[in-house]
Amino acid sequence: MSQLVAIPTFVKDGPCTVHRYHWPKPLRIVNHHVQPLEMGGTDTSDNKVRVCDTGHYNIHRVMAEINHGFPQSGTKMERFLADVGFHRWVADGKPGRFVYQLWDIHASQ
């Protein structure tokens, strides 16, 4: 996997990397693979960050926006993580397949 830029350090059981602090507390925090496994990413700490469900959804949505040439939505960190994951995939020769669809982007624009 290409290391183009550094991502925030993965901390097991850490807070949401995207939003840091939440009120109210998020229902769950999940491990997000910056370069998705289906797109050739590895299941290693240098390819994972902890994010809330909202941040996780938004990162994948931004990856789809990048892939289809749409303007990017989301927070600065959501855009950053999506951009890093997408460009790692491109730098690695686009292994696997792009798996995210723009199921609701057209409705919001």
Protein backbone atom coordinates (compact mmCIF):
# COMPACT_ATOMS: atom_id res chain seq x y z
CA MET A 1 0.00 0.00 0.00
CA SER A 2 1.29 3.45 -0.87
CA GLN A 3 2.04 5.86 1.96
CA LEU A 4 1.40 9.25 0.34
CA VAL A 5 0.61 11.22 3.51
CA ALA A 6 0.35 10.45 7.19
CA ILE A 7 -3.08 9.86 8.68
CA PRO A 8 -3.94 10.34 12.37
CA THR A 9 -2.51 7.59 14.57
CA PHE A 10 -4.89 4.69 15.17
CA VAL A 11 -5.78 4.37 18.85
CA LYS A 12 -7.70 1.24 19.77
CA ASP A 13 -10.86 2.31 21.62
CA GLY A 14 -9.98 5.95 20.91
CA PRO A 15 -12.37 8.81 20.17
CA CYS A 16 -13.80 9.69 16.76
CA THR A 17 -10.92 10.94 14.59
CA VAL A 18 -13.28 13.08 12.49
CA HIS A 19 -15.28 14.92 15.14
CA ARG A 20 -13.13 14.28 18.27
CA TYR A 21 -15.83 15.19 20.80
CA HIS A 22 -19.56 14.57 20.54
CA TRP A 23 -22.59 15.78 22.36
CA PRO A 24 -24.61 13.72 22.72
CA LYS A 25 -22.23 10.78 22.85
CA PRO A 26 -22.27 8.75 19.59
CA LEU A 27 -23.95 5.35 19.69
CA ARG A 28 -20.77 3.70 18.46
CA ILE A 29 -17.27 4.31 17.14
CA VAL A 30 -16.06 2.02 14.35
CA ASN A 31 -12.75 1.20 12.69
CA HIS A 32 -12.60 2.80 9.24
CA HIS A 33 -10.09 1.50 6.67
CA VAL A 34 -8.72 4.61 4.97
CA GLN A 35 -8.02 2.60 1.81
CA PRO A 36 -10.96 0.17 1.95
CA LEU A 37 -10.20 -3.55 2.06
CA GLU A 38 -12.26 -4.07 -1.11
CA MET A 39 -10.01 -1.55 -2.84
CA GLY A 40 -6.71 -3.21 -1.88
CA GLY A 41 -6.28 -1.68 1.58
CA THR A 42 -4.75 -3.62 4.44
CA ASP A 43 -6.22 -4.46 7.85
CA THR A 44 -3.33 -2.79 9.69
CA SER A 45 -3.18 0.10 12.14
CA ASP A 46 -1.53 2.39 9.56
CA ASN A 47 -4.67 2.05 7.41
CA LYS A 48 -7.30 2.48 10.15
CA VAL A 49 -8.84 5.35 12.06
CA ARG A 50 -11.64 5.41 14.64
CA VAL A 51 -14.77 7.27 13.50
CA CYS A 52 -18.40 7.65 14.53
CA ASP A 53 -21.10 6.25 12.23
CA THR A 54 -21.86 9.70 10.81
CA GLY A 55 -18.21 10.37 9.99
CA HIS A 56 -17.87 6.88 8.51
CA TYR A 57 -20.83 7.35 6.19
CA ASN A 58 -19.62 10.81 5.16
CA ILE A 59 -16.08 9.62 4.35
CA HIS A 60 -17.47 6.95 2.02
CA ARG A 61 -19.85 9.47 0.45
CA VAL A 62 -16.95 11.87 -0.23
CA MET A 63 -14.95 9.01 -1.81
CA ALA A 64 -17.85 8.47 -4.22
CA GLU A 65 -17.99 12.21 -4.93
CA ILE A 66 -14.26 12.21 -5.76
CA ASN A 67 -14.62 9.15 -7.99
CA HIS A 68 -17.48 10.73 -9.95
CA GLY A 69 -16.05 14.24 -10.13
CA PHE A 70 -18.66 15.90 -7.92
CA PRO A 71 -17.83 18.76 -5.52
CA GLN A 72 -16.84 17.35 -2.13
CA SER A 73 -19.14 17.71 0.86
CA GLY A 74 -18.36 16.94 4.50
CA THR A 75 -15.97 18.30 7.09
CA LYS A 76 -12.31 19.04 6.46
CA MET A 77 -11.23 15.76 8.13
CA GLU A 78 -13.89 13.72 6.26
CA ARG A 79 -12.63 15.17 2.97
CA PHE A 80 -9.00 14.57 3.97
CA LEU A 81 -9.52 10.90 4.88
CA ALA A 82 -11.59 10.25 1.74
CA ASP A 83 -8.95 11.93 -0.41
CA VAL A 84 -6.12 9.92 1.16
CA GLY A 85 -7.99 6.62 0.75
CA PHE A 86 -8.96 7.37 -2.85
CA HIS A 87 -5.48 8.47 -3.87
CA ARG A 88 -3.82 5.48 -2.16
CA TRP A 89 -6.10 3.28 -4.25
CA VAL A 90 -5.13 5.15 -7.44
CA ALA A 91 -1.41 5.06 -6.55
CA ASP A 92 -1.64 1.30 -5.97
CA GLY A 93 -3.03 0.80 -9.49
CA LYS A 94 -6.73 0.64 -8.51
CA PRO A 95 -6.70 -2.92 -7.09
CA GLY A 96 -10.04 -4.57 -6.45
CA ARG A 97 -12.95 -2.38 -7.45
CA PHE A 98 -14.48 0.92 -6.44
CA VAL A 99 -17.38 -0.15 -4.24
CA TYR A 100 -19.22 3.01 -3.27
CA GLN A 101 -22.23 4.26 -5.17
CA LEU A 102 -23.78 7.70 -5.34
CA TRP A 103 -27.12 6.36 -4.17
CA ASP A 104 -28.33 9.70 -2.85
CA ILE A 105 -25.96 12.37 -4.15
CA HIS A 106 -28.14 13.40 -7.10
CA ALA A 107 -31.11 14.00 -4.81
CA SER A 108 -29.12 16.43 -2.65
CA GLN A 109 -27.71 18.55 -5.48
